[in-house]
C-alpha atoms as a PDB file:
ATOM      1  CA  MET A   1      -1.682  -0.801 -14.762  1.00  0.00           C
ATOM      2  CA  ASP A   2       1.606  -1.279 -16.464  1.00  0.00           C
ATOM      3  CA  ARG A   3       2.323  -3.567 -19.255  1.00  0.00           C
ATOM      4  CA  GLN A   4       4.301  -5.773 -17.082  1.00  0.00           C
ATOM      5  CA  GLN A   5       1.397  -5.929 -14.660  1.00  0.00           C
ATOM      6  CA  ARG A   6      -1.109  -6.820 -17.148  1.00  0.00           C
ATOM      7  CA  GLN A   7       1.121  -9.730 -18.609  1.00  0.00           C
ATOM      8  CA  THR A   8       1.408 -10.760 -15.002  1.00  0.00           C
ATOM      9  CA  LEU A   9      -2.094 -10.847 -14.288  1.00  0.00           C
ATOM     10  CA  VAL A  10      -2.910 -12.472 -17.614  1.00  0.00           C
ATOM     11  CA  ASP A  11       0.112 -15.250 -17.350  1.00  0.00           C
ATOM     12  CA  LEU A  12      -1.722 -15.968 -13.469  1.00  0.00           C
ATOM     13  CA  ALA A  13      -4.644 -16.337 -14.991  1.00  0.00           C
ATOM     14  CA  ASP A  14      -3.973 -18.392 -17.324  1.00  0.00           C
ATOM     15  CA  ARG A  15      -2.500 -21.182 -14.845  1.00  0.00           C
ATOM     16  CA  LEU A  16      -6.018 -20.708 -12.536  1.00  0.00           C
ATOM     17  CA  SER A  17      -8.599 -23.504 -13.009  1.00  0.00           C
ATOM     18  CA  PRO A  18     -12.194 -22.000 -15.132  1.00  0.00           C
ATOM     19  CA  ALA A  19     -13.463 -21.769 -11.744  1.00  0.00           C
ATOM     20  CA  ASP A  20     -10.587 -20.021 -10.419  1.00  0.00           C
ATOM     21  CA  ARG A  21     -10.202 -17.928 -13.393  1.00  0.00           C
ATOM     22  CA  ALA A  22     -14.558 -16.938 -12.630  1.00  0.00           C
ATOM     23  CA  THR A  23     -13.496 -16.298  -8.809  1.00  0.00           C
ATOM     24  CA  LEU A  24     -10.688 -14.072  -9.910  1.00  0.00           C
ATOM     25  CA  ILE A  25     -12.773 -11.947 -12.169  1.00  0.00           C
ATOM     26  CA  ALA A  26     -15.740 -11.906  -9.617  1.00  0.00           C
ATOM     27  CA  PHE A  27     -13.241 -10.680  -6.735  1.00  0.00           C
ATOM     28  CA  ALA A  28     -11.986  -7.966  -9.455  1.00  0.00           C
ATOM     29  CA  GLU A  29     -15.678  -7.076  -9.825  1.00  0.00           C
ATOM     30  CA  PHE A  30     -15.934  -6.695  -5.987  1.00  0.00           C
ATOM     31  CA  LEU A  31     -13.005  -4.543  -5.736  1.00  0.00           C
ATOM     32  CA  LEU A  32     -14.300  -2.261  -8.684  1.00  0.00           C
ATOM     33  CA  GLN A  33     -17.788  -1.675  -6.817  1.00  0.00           C
ATOM     34  CA  ARG A  34     -15.597  -0.677  -3.468  1.00  0.00           C
ATOM     35  CA  HIS A  35     -13.698   2.305  -5.787  1.00  0.00           C
ATOM     36  CA  PRO A  36     -16.806   3.579  -8.085  1.00  0.00           C
ATOM     37  CA  ALA A  37     -15.047   6.789  -8.392  1.00  0.00           C
ATOM     38  CA  ALA A  38     -12.026   5.175 -10.151  1.00  0.00           C
ATOM     39  CA  THR A  39     -13.955   4.691 -13.096  1.00  0.00           C
ATOM     40  CA  ALA A  40     -15.301   7.872 -13.003  1.00  0.00           C
ATOM     41  CA  PRO A  41     -12.227  10.426 -12.532  1.00  0.00           C
ATOM     42  CA  ASP A  42     -13.926  13.616 -13.315  1.00  0.00           C
ATOM     43  CA  ALA A  43     -17.103  13.149 -11.040  1.00  0.00           C
ATOM     44  CA  VAL A  44     -17.539  16.096  -8.201  1.00  0.00           C
ATOM     45  CA  PRO A  45     -18.749  14.494  -4.960  1.00  0.00           C
ATOM     46  CA  GLU A  46     -21.775  15.482  -3.305  1.00  0.00           C
ATOM     47  CA  PRO A  47     -21.615  17.069   0.116  1.00  0.00           C
ATOM     48  CA  ALA A  48     -22.378  14.521   3.109  1.00  0.00           C
ATOM     49  CA  ARG A  49     -25.851  14.820   4.180  1.00  0.00           C
ATOM     50  CA  PRO A  50     -26.940  13.444   7.465  1.00  0.00           C
ATOM     51  CA  ARG A  51     -29.682  10.473   6.838  1.00  0.00           C
ATOM     52  CA  ALA A  52     -31.064   7.966   9.005  1.00  0.00           C
ATOM     53  CA  VAL A  53     -29.256   4.730   8.623  1.00  0.00           C
ATOM     54  CA  PRO A  54     -31.545   2.029   6.987  1.00  0.00           C
ATOM     55  CA  GLU A  55     -32.297  -1.405   8.153  1.00  0.00           C
ATOM     56  CA  PRO A  56     -30.345  -4.421   6.306  1.00  0.00           C
ATOM     57  CA  GLU A  57     -32.667  -6.224   3.810  1.00  0.00           C
ATOM     58  CA  ALA A  58     -32.945  -9.841   5.287  1.00  0.00           C
ATOM     59  CA  ILE A  59     -31.353 -11.957   2.243  1.00  0.00           C
ATOM     60  CA  PRO A  60     -31.146 -15.297   3.515  1.00  0.00           C
ATOM     61  CA  ARG A  61     -27.888 -17.369   3.272  1.00  0.00           C
ATOM     62  CA  PRO A  62     -28.073 -20.327   0.977  1.00  0.00           C
ATOM     63  CA  GLU A  63     -26.503 -23.414   1.558  1.00  0.00           C
ATOM     64  CA  GLN A  64     -23.354 -24.350  -0.580  1.00  0.00           C
ATOM     65  CA  GLU A  65     -22.815 -20.670  -1.244  1.00  0.00           C
ATOM     66  CA  ARG A  66     -19.859 -19.467  -2.935  1.00  0.00           C
ATOM     67  CA  VAL A  67     -17.699 -17.062  -1.201  1.00  0.00           C
ATOM     68  CA  VAL A  68     -17.691 -14.588  -3.460  1.00  0.00           C
ATOM     69  CA  ALA A  69     -21.388 -15.052  -3.543  1.00  0.00           C
ATOM     70  CA  ALA A  70     -21.710 -14.224  -0.162  1.00  0.00           C
ATOM     71  CA  ILE A  71     -19.945 -10.852  -0.679  1.00  0.00           C
ATOM     72  CA  ARG A  72     -22.565  -9.766  -3.415  1.00  0.00           C
ATOM     73  CA  ARG A  73     -25.433 -10.998  -1.261  1.00  0.00           C
ATOM     74  CA  LEU A  74     -23.318  -9.062   1.770  1.00  0.00           C
ATOM     75  CA  SER A  75     -23.415  -6.369  -0.457  1.00  0.00           C
ATOM     76  CA  LYS A  76     -26.782  -6.262  -1.039  1.00  0.00           C
ATOM     77  CA  THR A  77     -28.206  -7.041   2.827  1.00  0.00           C
ATOM     78  CA  TYR A  78     -26.088  -4.019   3.936  1.00  0.00           C
ATOM     79  CA  PRO A  79     -25.788  -1.473   0.711  1.00  0.00           C
ATOM     80  CA  MET A  80     -25.369   1.544   3.387  1.00  0.00           C
ATOM     81  CA  LEU A  81     -22.153   0.354   4.000  1.00  0.00           C
ATOM     82  CA  ASN A  82     -18.817   1.812   2.978  1.00  0.00           C
ATOM     83  CA  LYS A  83     -17.619  -1.206   1.134  1.00  0.00           C
ATOM     84  CA  SER A  84     -13.837   0.687   1.483  1.00  0.00           C
ATOM     85  CA  ALA A  85     -13.719   0.516   5.173  1.00  0.00           C
ATOM     86  CA  MET A  86     -14.009  -3.202   4.996  1.00  0.00           C
ATOM     87  CA  LEU A  87     -11.595  -3.922   1.599  1.00  0.00           C
ATOM     88  CA  GLY A  88      -8.940  -5.182   3.734  1.00  0.00           C
ATOM     89  CA  ALA A  89     -10.433  -7.730   6.031  1.00  0.00           C
ATOM     90  CA  THR A  90     -12.580  -9.146   2.889  1.00  0.00           C
ATOM     91  CA  SER A  91     -10.118  -9.607   0.558  1.00  0.00           C
ATOM     92  CA  ASP A  92      -7.736 -10.721   2.965  1.00  0.00           C
ATOM     93  CA  LEU A  93     -10.328 -13.704   3.563  1.00  0.00           C
ATOM     94  CA  VAL A  94     -11.129 -13.925   0.120  1.00  0.00           C
ATOM     95  CA  MET A  95      -7.569 -14.719  -0.305  1.00  0.00           C
ATOM     96  CA  GLN A  96      -7.216 -17.328   2.234  1.00  0.00           C
ATOM     97  CA  HIS A  97     -10.076 -19.308   1.024  1.00  0.00           C
ATOM     98  CA  VAL A  98      -8.426 -18.903  -2.600  1.00  0.00           C
ATOM     99  CA  MET A  99      -4.788 -19.093  -2.085  1.00  0.00           C
ATOM    100  CA  GLN A 100      -4.909 -21.480   1.658  1.00  0.00           C
ATOM    101  CA  GLY A 101      -7.559 -23.189   0.859  1.00  0.00           C
ATOM    102  CA  ARG A 102      -9.631 -21.919   3.779  1.00  0.00           C
ATOM    103  CA  GLU A 103     -13.358 -23.447   4.031  1.00  0.00           C
ATOM    104  CA  ALA A 104     -16.206 -21.517   2.509  1.00  0.00           C
ATOM    105  CA  VAL A 105     -18.415 -21.971   5.369  1.00  0.00           C
ATOM    106  CA  GLU A 106     -15.749 -20.288   7.423  1.00  0.00           C
ATOM    107  CA  VAL A 107     -14.655 -17.274   5.416  1.00  0.00           C
ATOM    108  CA  ILE A 108     -18.401 -16.514   4.937  1.00  0.00           C
ATOM    109  CA  ASP A 109     -19.130 -16.758   8.435  1.00  0.00           C
ATOM    110  CA  GLU A 110     -16.416 -14.349   9.267  1.00  0.00           C
ATOM    111  CA  LEU A 111     -17.754 -11.967   6.218  1.00  0.00           C
ATOM    112  CA  GLU A 112     -21.001 -12.246   7.947  1.00  0.00           C
ATOM    113  CA  ARG A 113     -19.209 -10.770  11.471  1.00  0.00           C
ATOM    114  CA  ILE A 114     -17.643  -8.285   9.719  1.00  0.00           C
ATOM    115  CA  PHE A 115     -20.640  -6.669   7.703  1.00  0.00           C
ATOM    116  CA  ALA A 116     -22.693  -7.084  10.599  1.00  0.00           C
ATOM    117  CA  GLU A 117     -20.158  -5.220  13.019  1.00  0.00           C
ATOM    118  CA  GLN A 118     -19.503  -2.336  10.292  1.00  0.00           C
ATOM    119  CA  TYR A 119     -23.502  -2.232  10.317  1.00  0.00           C
ATOM    120  CA  ARG A 120     -23.402  -1.864  13.751  1.00  0.00           C
ATOM    121  CA  LYS A 121     -20.702   0.833  14.174  1.00  0.00           C
ATOM    122  CA  LEU A 122     -22.777   3.113  11.049  1.00  0.00           C
ATOM    123  CA  LYS A 123     -25.607   2.750  13.538  1.00  0.00           C
ATOM    124  CA  ASP A 124     -23.825   3.994  16.204  1.00  0.00           C
ATOM    125  CA  GLY A 125     -22.165   6.542  14.579  1.00  0.00           C
ATOM    126  CA  ASP A 126     -18.698   5.334  14.593  1.00  0.00           C
ATOM    127  CA  ALA A 127     -18.283   4.183  11.215  1.00  0.00           C
ATOM    128  CA  GLY A 128     -15.469   6.283  10.182  1.00  0.00           C
ATOM    129  CA  PRO A 129     -14.455   7.365   6.739  1.00  0.00           C
END
């Protein structure tokens, strides 16, 4: 990130409410989880090994759940999924919630559908990269 991008990000964050700043930080942490290699550039990836796909962990959806908390819950529910494959759709939904005011319940319903669909594709051997 260059100096101007860093300053733009800081300026934008400064204009957000404390709750929205917390959402921004949580979203940045979410994005970082999707690309762990970015934090360890010298790491040599292990060759892929065939393995059985585990069942998702049943974590109940709490009432009044926030979108970022739902992403964390779904990431724990489906730890076997390649989160970077869902990054575009997931980040679009978060932005619709934060920037356009789309209801959290609707966004979370859609997130659950995306995670479940990716799991189905993984089970069917059609998960892609």
